[in-house]
N, C-alpha and C. Protein backbone atom coordinates (compact mmCIF):
# COMPACT_ATOMS: atom_id res chain seq x y z
N MET A 1 -56.05 51.66 33.97
CA MET A 1 -55.09 50.30 33.53
C MET A 1 -53.61 50.90 33.52
N ALA A 2 -52.61 50.57 34.36
CA ALA A 2 -51.00 50.80 33.61
C ALA A 2 -50.32 49.19 33.41
N LEU A 3 -49.51 49.23 32.95
CA LEU A 3 -48.71 48.50 32.72
C LEU A 3 -47.24 48.90 32.64
N ALA A 4 -46.25 48.54 33.62
CA ALA A 4 -45.09 48.70 33.99
C ALA A 4 -43.80 47.45 33.86
N THR A 5 -43.24 47.29 32.94
CA THR A 5 -42.05 46.07 32.93
C THR A 5 -40.98 46.14 33.58
N ASN A 6 -39.99 45.47 34.00
CA ASN A 6 -38.87 45.82 34.41
C ASN A 6 -37.59 44.32 34.50
N PRO A 7 -36.14 44.70 34.19
CA PRO A 7 -36.04 43.13 33.79
C PRO A 7 -35.59 42.26 35.55
N PHE A 8 -35.99 42.91 36.50
CA PHE A 8 -35.85 42.57 37.76
C PHE A 8 -36.76 41.35 38.13
N GLU A 9 -36.35 40.88 39.36
CA GLU A 9 -37.59 40.03 39.64
C GLU A 9 -37.59 40.72 41.48
N LEU A 10 -38.82 41.61 41.63
CA LEU A 10 -38.49 42.36 42.56
C LEU A 10 -39.03 41.84 43.81
N TYR A 11 -38.88 42.74 44.89
CA TYR A 11 -39.31 42.34 46.24
C TYR A 11 -40.64 42.58 46.04
N HIS A 12 -41.81 42.07 47.07
CA HIS A 12 -42.86 42.47 47.03
C HIS A 12 -43.04 43.77 47.82
N ASP A 13 -42.01 44.19 48.52
CA ASP A 13 -41.95 45.59 48.72
C ASP A 13 -42.30 46.88 47.60
N TYR A 14 -41.26 46.32 47.24
CA TYR A 14 -41.25 47.45 45.51
C TYR A 14 -42.44 47.57 44.83
N ALA A 15 -43.25 46.40 44.49
CA ALA A 15 -44.42 46.47 43.73
C ALA A 15 -45.56 47.19 44.60
N THR A 16 -45.63 46.83 45.49
CA THR A 16 -46.58 47.20 46.85
C THR A 16 -45.60 49.06 47.09
N ARG A 17 -45.05 49.71 46.94
CA ARG A 17 -44.63 50.49 46.46
C ARG A 17 -45.12 51.22 45.42
N ILE A 18 -44.96 51.02 44.27
CA ILE A 18 -44.80 51.26 42.90
C ILE A 18 -46.93 51.07 42.63
N GLU A 19 -47.47 50.14 43.22
CA GLU A 19 -48.71 50.13 42.94
C GLU A 19 -49.69 51.09 43.98
N ALA A 20 -48.79 51.48 45.09
CA ALA A 20 -49.51 52.23 46.02
C ALA A 20 -49.96 53.78 45.69
N ARG A 21 -48.60 54.20 44.99
CA ARG A 21 -48.62 55.48 44.20
C ARG A 21 -49.04 56.01 42.78
N SER A 22 -49.72 54.74 42.43
CA SER A 22 -50.08 54.96 41.23
C SER A 22 -51.56 55.20 40.95
N PRO A 23 -51.78 56.16 40.17
CA PRO A 23 -53.04 56.55 39.62
C PRO A 23 -53.84 56.09 39.13
N ALA A 24 -53.46 54.78 38.58
CA ALA A 24 -54.24 54.02 37.64
C ALA A 24 -55.29 53.08 38.76
N LEU A 25 -56.48 52.46 38.23
CA LEU A 25 -57.36 51.86 39.34
C LEU A 25 -56.52 50.46 39.02
N LEU A 26 -56.09 50.11 38.14
CA LEU A 26 -55.18 48.64 37.67
C LEU A 26 -53.67 48.88 37.80
N THR A 27 -52.98 48.30 38.51
CA THR A 27 -51.30 48.38 38.18
C THR A 27 -50.72 46.96 38.15
N LEU A 28 -50.38 46.64 36.71
CA LEU A 28 -49.53 45.20 36.81
C LEU A 28 -48.43 45.63 36.27
N LEU A 29 -47.79 44.71 36.99
CA LEU A 29 -46.31 44.49 36.95
C LEU A 29 -45.51 43.84 35.92
N ILE A 30 -45.22 43.57 35.15
CA ILE A 30 -44.42 42.49 34.50
C ILE A 30 -42.92 42.18 34.99
N GLN A 31 -42.40 41.35 36.16
CA GLN A 31 -41.11 41.06 35.99
C GLN A 31 -40.12 40.20 35.00
N ILE A 32 -39.06 40.42 34.76
CA ILE A 32 -37.82 40.05 34.40
C ILE A 32 -38.35 39.77 32.88
N SER A 33 -38.67 41.23 32.26
CA SER A 33 -38.73 40.98 31.07
C SER A 33 -37.67 42.29 30.34
N GLY A 34 -36.98 41.35 28.82
CA GLY A 34 -36.26 41.96 28.55
C GLY A 34 -34.85 41.31 28.74
N GLY A 35 -34.88 40.07 29.70
CA GLY A 35 -33.44 39.52 29.97
C GLY A 35 -33.58 39.72 31.79
N GLN A 36 -33.12 38.88 31.97
CA GLN A 36 -32.72 38.14 33.63
C GLN A 36 -31.62 39.08 34.05
N SER A 37 -31.81 40.09 35.04
CA SER A 37 -31.11 40.82 35.68
C SER A 37 -30.93 40.23 37.43
N GLY A 38 -31.58 39.43 37.74
CA GLY A 38 -31.57 38.87 39.01
C GLY A 38 -32.74 39.30 39.84
N TYR A 39 -32.55 39.28 41.13
CA TYR A 39 -32.87 39.95 42.18
C TYR A 39 -32.87 41.09 42.76
N LEU A 40 -33.80 41.48 43.20
CA LEU A 40 -33.71 43.27 43.45
C LEU A 40 -34.18 43.61 45.09
N PRO A 41 -33.17 43.08 45.97
CA PRO A 41 -33.37 43.27 47.10
C PRO A 41 -33.62 44.70 47.58
N THR A 42 -34.33 44.43 49.09
CA THR A 42 -34.95 46.00 49.65
C THR A 42 -33.78 45.92 50.49
N ALA A 43 -33.25 47.08 51.28
CA ALA A 43 -32.62 47.00 52.09
C ALA A 43 -32.62 46.36 53.84
N ARG A 44 -33.67 46.15 53.86
CA ARG A 44 -34.51 45.03 55.15
C ARG A 44 -33.43 44.02 54.78
N ALA A 45 -33.84 43.32 53.36
CA ALA A 45 -33.39 42.40 53.10
C ALA A 45 -31.89 42.21 53.06
N VAL A 46 -31.46 43.00 52.42
CA VAL A 46 -29.36 42.87 52.60
C VAL A 46 -29.10 43.04 53.92
N GLN A 47 -29.91 43.57 54.48
CA GLN A 47 -29.50 43.31 56.23
C GLN A 47 -29.76 42.21 57.03
N GLY A 48 -30.33 41.51 56.52
CA GLY A 48 -31.16 40.46 57.34
C GLY A 48 -30.00 39.13 56.00
N GLY A 49 -29.67 39.54 55.31
CA GLY A 49 -28.87 38.27 54.12
C GLY A 49 -29.82 37.13 54.24
N GLY A 50 -29.22 35.82 53.14
CA GLY A 50 -30.11 34.87 53.24
C GLY A 50 -30.48 34.75 51.41
N TYR A 51 -31.66 34.05 51.34
CA TYR A 51 -31.82 33.77 50.07
C TYR A 51 -31.99 34.87 48.91
N SER A 52 -31.55 34.93 47.84
CA SER A 52 -31.29 36.62 46.90
C SER A 52 -30.87 37.90 47.76
N ALA A 53 -30.48 37.68 48.72
CA ALA A 53 -30.30 39.39 49.31
C ALA A 53 -28.92 38.87 49.48
N ASP A 54 -27.88 38.11 49.28
CA ASP A 54 -26.34 38.64 49.16
C ASP A 54 -25.64 38.53 47.77
N GLN A 55 -26.51 38.37 46.94
CA GLN A 55 -25.64 38.04 45.82
C GLN A 55 -26.82 38.89 44.33
N TYR A 56 -26.12 39.96 44.34
CA TYR A 56 -27.29 40.87 43.40
C TYR A 56 -26.46 41.91 42.73
N VAL A 57 -26.93 41.98 41.33
CA VAL A 57 -26.16 43.07 40.22
C VAL A 57 -26.66 44.33 40.71
N VAL A 58 -27.84 44.59 41.62
CA VAL A 58 -28.22 46.34 41.45
C VAL A 58 -29.38 46.12 43.36
N GLY A 59 -28.59 46.99 43.87
CA GLY A 59 -28.87 47.33 45.02
C GLY A 59 -30.09 47.58 45.33
N PRO A 60 -30.40 47.99 46.73
CA PRO A 60 -31.58 48.90 47.17
C PRO A 60 -32.00 50.23 46.85
N ASP A 61 -30.80 50.59 46.55
CA ASP A 61 -30.54 52.23 45.98
C ASP A 61 -30.92 52.89 44.80
N GLY A 62 -30.52 51.53 43.52
CA GLY A 62 -31.34 50.95 42.28
C GLY A 62 -33.01 50.38 42.38
N GLY A 63 -33.22 50.06 43.57
CA GLY A 63 -34.79 49.28 43.80
C GLY A 63 -35.86 50.39 43.70
N GLN A 64 -35.07 51.92 44.82
CA GLN A 64 -35.72 52.85 45.20
C GLN A 64 -35.80 54.12 43.83
N ALA A 65 -34.84 54.40 42.62
CA ALA A 65 -34.86 54.37 41.88
C ALA A 65 -35.59 53.96 40.62
N LEU A 66 -36.11 52.40 40.51
CA LEU A 66 -37.10 51.84 39.97
C LEU A 66 -38.48 52.46 40.39
N VAL A 67 -38.44 52.38 41.75
CA VAL A 67 -39.68 52.75 41.80
C VAL A 67 -39.90 54.31 41.65
N GLU A 68 -39.04 55.30 41.65
CA GLU A 68 -39.35 56.30 41.69
C GLU A 68 -39.31 56.63 40.00
N ALA A 69 -39.03 55.88 38.91
CA ALA A 69 -38.83 55.90 37.53
C ALA A 69 -40.18 55.09 36.97
N THR A 70 -40.61 54.09 37.55
CA THR A 70 -41.60 53.82 37.44
C THR A 70 -42.69 54.31 37.60
N VAL A 71 -43.50 54.93 38.91
CA VAL A 71 -44.29 55.99 39.04
C VAL A 71 -44.51 57.12 38.30
N LYS A 72 -43.49 57.67 38.06
CA LYS A 72 -43.27 58.92 37.11
C LYS A 72 -43.76 58.65 35.70
N GLY A 73 -43.47 57.39 35.19
CA GLY A 73 -44.15 56.60 34.30
C GLY A 73 -45.55 56.76 33.87
N ILE A 74 -45.77 56.07 35.08
CA ILE A 74 -47.27 55.88 35.03
C ILE A 74 -48.04 57.43 35.42
N GLN A 75 -47.60 57.98 36.34
CA GLN A 75 -48.34 59.44 36.13
C GLN A 75 -48.17 60.45 35.27
N ALA A 76 -47.13 60.16 34.15
CA ALA A 76 -47.32 60.53 33.00
C ALA A 76 -48.25 60.13 32.28
N LEU A 77 -48.75 59.05 32.40
CA LEU A 77 -50.12 58.50 31.74
C LEU A 77 -51.38 59.21 31.92
N PHE A 78 -51.62 59.61 33.60
CA PHE A 78 -52.85 60.01 33.70
C PHE A 78 -53.11 61.43 34.25
N PRO A 79 -52.29 62.52 33.21
CA PRO A 79 -52.21 64.01 33.33
C PRO A 79 -53.55 64.83 34.46
C-alpha cells in the first residue's frame, strides 16, 4: 500500500496517471492536504474552460510535475 498527499483538488486524470504507474497494490491519494491550493486542472480542462479550469494557481505543467514526483516517491518505497 502507498499513501500520497498533495495540497490540490486533483482532476481525476492526475489520480489515474499516478495509480496506473504505482507499483503498490493499493495507492491512496489524499487531496487538499496541508492547505488548500485550489484545483489542479489538466491541459484538456483548461482548453475547454468552465468550472475551476479558468482560475487556478498551478496549471497543467505543474500537474504533470506532481504526477512525476509522486510516482517517483512511491517507486522509492518499492525497490
